[in-house]
Amino acid sequence: MNMGSLVALAAWFASACFGLAMCLATWRLIRGPAAQDRVLGLDTLYVNAMAMLLAYGLRVGSGAWFEIALLIALFGFVGSVALAKFLLRGEVIEP
């Protein structure tokens, strides 16, 4: 087995693990029981989606997928901060 096929096999295995983690995070996002659990489920979901895109970028050998994963990380972080601020204060933008 050469090194290229080993990396491809590892990327497929990682994608399967990230897919399973995304299913479990979606379950936590839907079931709750509290709003904080749903926010953590959403955080976990976007981090796993970003990691899955990185594994896909490794498989196909394209650098564009890394930039898309960076955008997902940026928007996910901003969304997490906005949700946390909303849960703490009841509003996102203060007057």
N, C-alpha and C. Protein backbone atom coordinates (compact mmCIF):
# COMPACT_ATOMS: atom_id res chain seq x y z
N MET A 1 0.86 -1.17 0.00
CA MET A 1 0.00 0.00 0.00
C MET A 1 0.90 1.23 0.00
N ASN A 2 0.68 2.10 -0.97
CA ASN A 2 1.51 3.30 -1.03
C ASN A 2 0.92 4.41 -0.14
N MET A 3 1.66 5.50 0.00
CA MET A 3 1.29 6.54 0.93
C MET A 3 0.04 7.29 0.48
N GLY A 4 -0.17 7.45 -0.82
CA GLY A 4 -1.35 8.15 -1.31
C GLY A 4 -2.64 7.42 -0.99
N SER A 5 -2.63 6.12 -1.13
CA SER A 5 -3.85 5.36 -0.81
C SER A 5 -4.08 5.29 0.69
N LEU A 6 -3.01 5.34 1.48
CA LEU A 6 -3.15 5.35 2.93
C LEU A 6 -3.80 6.66 3.40
N VAL A 7 -3.39 7.77 2.80
CA VAL A 7 -3.99 9.07 3.13
C VAL A 7 -5.46 9.10 2.70
N ALA A 8 -5.75 8.55 1.54
CA ALA A 8 -7.14 8.51 1.07
C ALA A 8 -8.00 7.64 1.98
N LEU A 9 -7.46 6.51 2.42
CA LEU A 9 -8.20 5.64 3.33
C LEU A 9 -8.44 6.33 4.68
N ALA A 10 -7.43 7.02 5.17
CA ALA A 10 -7.58 7.76 6.43
C ALA A 10 -8.58 8.89 6.30
N ALA A 11 -8.61 9.55 5.14
CA ALA A 11 -9.58 10.63 4.91
C ALA A 11 -11.00 10.08 4.84
N TRP A 12 -11.19 8.92 4.24
CA TRP A 12 -12.52 8.30 4.21
C TRP A 12 -12.97 7.91 5.62
N PHE A 13 -12.06 7.32 6.39
CA PHE A 13 -12.39 6.94 7.75
C PHE A 13 -12.73 8.16 8.60
N ALA A 14 -11.95 9.22 8.45
CA ALA A 14 -12.22 10.46 9.19
C ALA A 14 -13.56 11.05 8.80
N SER A 15 -13.89 11.01 7.52
CA SER A 15 -15.18 11.53 7.06
C SER A 15 -16.34 10.74 7.66
N ALA A 16 -16.18 9.44 7.76
CA ALA A 16 -17.23 8.61 8.37
C ALA A 16 -17.39 8.95 9.84
N CYS A 17 -16.28 9.14 10.53
CA CYS A 17 -16.35 9.52 11.95
C CYS A 17 -16.98 10.89 12.13
N PHE A 18 -16.62 11.84 11.27
CA PHE A 18 -17.22 13.17 11.36
C PHE A 18 -18.71 13.13 11.02
N GLY A 19 -19.10 12.28 10.09
CA GLY A 19 -20.51 12.13 9.76
C GLY A 19 -21.31 11.59 10.94
N LEU A 20 -20.74 10.61 11.63
CA LEU A 20 -21.40 10.07 12.82
C LEU A 20 -21.51 11.14 13.90
N ALA A 21 -20.45 11.90 14.09
CA ALA A 21 -20.47 12.98 15.09
C ALA A 21 -21.49 14.06 14.72
N MET A 22 -21.65 14.32 13.42
CA MET A 22 -22.65 15.30 13.00
C MET A 22 -24.06 14.79 13.27
N CYS A 23 -24.29 13.50 13.08
CA CYS A 23 -25.60 12.93 13.40
C CYS A 23 -25.91 13.05 14.88
N LEU A 24 -24.93 12.77 15.73
CA LEU A 24 -25.13 12.88 17.17
C LEU A 24 -25.32 14.33 17.61
N ALA A 25 -24.60 15.26 16.98
CA ALA A 25 -24.77 16.67 17.31
C ALA A 25 -26.14 17.18 16.86
N THR A 26 -26.62 16.68 15.73
CA THR A 26 -27.96 17.05 15.27
C THR A 26 -29.02 16.53 16.24
N TRP A 27 -28.80 15.33 16.76
CA TRP A 27 -29.72 14.78 17.76
C TRP A 27 -29.75 15.67 19.00
N ARG A 28 -28.59 16.14 19.45
CA ARG A 28 -28.54 17.01 20.62
C ARG A 28 -29.17 18.37 20.30
N LEU A 29 -29.02 18.83 19.08
CA LEU A 29 -29.61 20.10 18.67
C LEU A 29 -31.13 20.02 18.67
N ILE A 30 -31.68 18.89 18.28
CA ILE A 30 -33.14 18.74 18.21
C ILE A 30 -33.72 18.43 19.58
N ARG A 31 -33.09 17.53 20.34
CA ARG A 31 -33.65 17.06 21.59
C ARG A 31 -33.49 18.02 22.76
N GLY A 32 -32.43 18.77 22.78
CA GLY A 32 -32.24 19.69 23.90
C GLY A 32 -31.52 19.04 25.06
N PRO A 33 -31.98 19.08 26.25
CA PRO A 33 -33.23 19.57 26.81
C PRO A 33 -33.22 21.08 27.10
N ALA A 34 -32.06 21.69 27.24
CA ALA A 34 -32.00 23.13 27.53
C ALA A 34 -31.45 23.87 26.32
N ALA A 35 -31.60 25.18 26.35
CA ALA A 35 -31.10 26.00 25.25
C ALA A 35 -29.58 25.93 25.14
N GLN A 36 -28.90 25.80 26.28
CA GLN A 36 -27.45 25.70 26.26
C GLN A 36 -26.99 24.41 25.58
N ASP A 37 -27.74 23.33 25.76
CA ASP A 37 -27.41 22.08 25.08
C ASP A 37 -27.57 22.23 23.57
N ARG A 38 -28.57 22.96 23.16
CA ARG A 38 -28.79 23.18 21.73
C ARG A 38 -27.67 24.02 21.12
N VAL A 39 -27.20 25.03 21.86
CA VAL A 39 -26.09 25.85 21.37
C VAL A 39 -24.83 25.01 21.25
N LEU A 40 -24.56 24.16 22.22
CA LEU A 40 -23.38 23.28 22.14
C LEU A 40 -23.51 22.29 20.98
N GLY A 41 -24.72 21.80 20.75
CA GLY A 41 -24.94 20.92 19.60
C GLY A 41 -24.67 21.63 18.28
N LEU A 42 -25.09 22.90 18.20
CA LEU A 42 -24.84 23.68 16.99
C LEU A 42 -23.35 23.95 16.80
N ASP A 43 -22.63 24.26 17.89
CA ASP A 43 -21.19 24.46 17.81
C ASP A 43 -20.48 23.20 17.33
N THR A 44 -20.87 22.07 17.91
CA THR A 44 -20.27 20.81 17.51
C THR A 44 -20.57 20.48 16.06
N LEU A 45 -21.77 20.82 15.63
CA LEU A 45 -22.16 20.55 14.24
C LEU A 45 -21.32 21.34 13.25
N TYR A 46 -21.10 22.64 13.52
CA TYR A 46 -20.32 23.40 12.54
C TYR A 46 -18.84 23.03 12.59
N VAL A 47 -18.31 22.66 13.75
CA VAL A 47 -16.91 22.23 13.81
C VAL A 47 -16.71 20.92 13.05
N ASN A 48 -17.66 20.00 13.18
CA ASN A 48 -17.56 18.73 12.44
C ASN A 48 -17.77 18.93 10.95
N ALA A 49 -18.63 19.86 10.57
CA ALA A 49 -18.80 20.15 9.14
C ALA A 49 -17.52 20.74 8.56
N MET A 50 -16.88 21.59 9.34
CA MET A 50 -15.61 22.16 8.89
C MET A 50 -14.55 21.07 8.74
N ALA A 51 -14.49 20.16 9.71
CA ALA A 51 -13.51 19.07 9.64
C ALA A 51 -13.80 18.12 8.49
N MET A 52 -15.09 17.90 8.20
CA MET A 52 -15.44 17.04 7.07
C MET A 52 -15.01 17.67 5.74
N LEU A 53 -15.18 18.98 5.63
CA LEU A 53 -14.72 19.66 4.42
C LEU A 53 -13.20 19.60 4.29
N LEU A 54 -12.49 19.68 5.39
CA LEU A 54 -11.03 19.56 5.34
C LEU A 54 -10.61 18.16 4.90
N ALA A 55 -11.30 17.14 5.39
CA ALA A 55 -10.99 15.77 4.96
C ALA A 55 -11.31 15.59 3.48
N TYR A 56 -12.40 16.19 3.03
CA TYR A 56 -12.73 16.11 1.60
C TYR A 56 -11.68 16.84 0.76
N GLY A 57 -11.21 17.97 1.25
CA GLY A 57 -10.14 18.70 0.54
C GLY A 57 -8.88 17.87 0.42
N LEU A 58 -8.57 17.08 1.46
CA LEU A 58 -7.41 16.19 1.37
C LEU A 58 -7.62 15.09 0.34
N ARG A 59 -8.85 14.57 0.28
CA ARG A 59 -9.13 13.49 -0.67
C ARG A 59 -9.01 13.94 -2.11
N VAL A 60 -9.57 15.12 -2.42
CA VAL A 60 -9.57 15.57 -3.82
C VAL A 60 -8.33 16.37 -4.17
N GLY A 61 -7.58 16.82 -3.15
CA GLY A 61 -6.35 17.56 -3.42
C GLY A 61 -6.58 18.98 -3.88
N SER A 62 -7.65 19.60 -3.44
CA SER A 62 -7.96 20.97 -3.83
C SER A 62 -7.86 21.89 -2.63
N GLY A 63 -7.26 23.05 -2.82
CA GLY A 63 -7.10 24.01 -1.74
C GLY A 63 -8.32 24.87 -1.49
N ALA A 64 -9.27 24.87 -2.41
CA ALA A 64 -10.46 25.71 -2.24
C ALA A 64 -11.31 25.26 -1.06
N TRP A 65 -11.31 23.98 -0.77
CA TRP A 65 -12.11 23.45 0.34
C TRP A 65 -11.60 23.94 1.68
N PHE A 66 -10.31 24.24 1.76
CA PHE A 66 -9.75 24.77 3.00
C PHE A 66 -10.25 26.20 3.26
N GLU A 67 -10.39 26.97 2.21
CA GLU A 67 -10.92 28.33 2.35
C GLU A 67 -12.39 28.31 2.74
N ILE A 68 -13.14 27.37 2.19
CA ILE A 68 -14.55 27.24 2.55
C ILE A 68 -14.68 26.83 4.02
N ALA A 69 -13.81 25.93 4.47
CA ALA A 69 -13.82 25.52 5.88
C ALA A 69 -13.47 26.70 6.79
N LEU A 70 -12.59 27.57 6.35
CA LEU A 70 -12.25 28.76 7.13
C LEU A 70 -13.45 29.69 7.24
N LEU A 71 -14.21 29.84 6.18
CA LEU A 71 -15.42 30.66 6.23
C LEU A 71 -16.46 30.06 7.17
N ILE A 72 -16.62 28.75 7.14
CA ILE A 72 -17.55 28.10 8.06
C ILE A 72 -17.13 28.34 9.51
N ALA A 73 -15.83 28.26 9.78
CA ALA A 73 -15.33 28.51 11.13
C ALA A 73 -15.62 29.95 11.56
N LEU A 74 -15.43 30.89 10.66
CA LEU A 74 -15.68 32.29 10.98
C LEU A 74 -17.15 32.55 11.27
N PHE A 75 -18.03 32.09 10.39
CA PHE A 75 -19.47 32.31 10.60
C PHE A 75 -19.99 31.52 11.81
N GLY A 76 -19.45 30.35 12.04
CA GLY A 76 -19.86 29.57 13.21
C GLY A 76 -19.48 30.25 14.51
N PHE A 77 -18.29 30.83 14.55
CA PHE A 77 -17.87 31.54 15.75
C PHE A 77 -18.75 32.76 16.01
N VAL A 78 -19.02 33.52 14.98
CA VAL A 78 -19.88 34.71 15.13
C VAL A 78 -21.28 34.29 15.56
N GLY A 79 -21.79 33.22 15.00
CA GLY A 79 -23.10 32.73 15.39
C GLY A 79 -23.14 32.24 16.83
N SER A 80 -22.06 31.59 17.27
CA SER A 80 -21.99 31.13 18.66
C SER A 80 -21.96 32.31 19.63
N VAL A 81 -21.21 33.33 19.31
CA VAL A 81 -21.15 34.51 20.16
C VAL A 81 -22.51 35.19 20.22
N ALA A 82 -23.18 35.30 19.08
CA ALA A 82 -24.50 35.93 19.06
C ALA A 82 -25.52 35.13 19.86
N LEU A 83 -25.50 33.81 19.74
CA LEU A 83 -26.42 32.98 20.52
C LEU A 83 -26.13 33.05 22.02
N ALA A 84 -24.86 33.07 22.38
CA ALA A 84 -24.51 33.17 23.79
C ALA A 84 -24.95 34.52 24.37
N LYS A 85 -24.77 35.57 23.60
CA LYS A 85 -25.20 36.90 24.05
C LYS A 85 -26.72 36.97 24.16
N PHE A 86 -27.41 36.34 23.24
CA PHE A 86 -28.87 36.32 23.31
C PHE A 86 -29.36 35.53 24.52
N LEU A 87 -28.71 34.41 24.82
CA LEU A 87 -29.13 33.62 25.97
C LEU A 87 -28.84 34.34 27.29
N LEU A 88 -27.76 35.11 27.33
CA LEU A 88 -27.42 35.82 28.56
C LEU A 88 -28.26 37.08 28.78
N ARG A 89 -28.46 37.87 27.72
CA ARG A 89 -29.10 39.18 27.89
C ARG A 89 -30.47 39.32 27.24
N GLY A 90 -30.83 38.39 26.37
CA GLY A 90 -32.14 38.48 25.72
C GLY A 90 -32.14 39.30 24.46
N GLU A 91 -31.00 39.88 24.09
CA GLU A 91 -30.89 40.65 22.84
C GLU A 91 -29.47 40.51 22.31
N VAL A 92 -29.35 40.65 21.00
CA VAL A 92 -28.04 40.51 20.39
C VAL A 92 -27.38 41.88 20.20
N ILE A 93 -28.16 42.83 19.68
CA ILE A 93 -27.65 44.18 19.45
C ILE A 93 -28.22 45.10 20.53
N GLU A 94 -27.31 45.68 21.27
CA GLU A 94 -27.74 46.57 22.34
C GLU A 94 -28.01 47.97 21.79
N PRO A 95 -29.07 48.63 22.28
CA PRO A 95 -29.35 49.99 21.79
C PRO A 95 -28.38 51.01 22.34
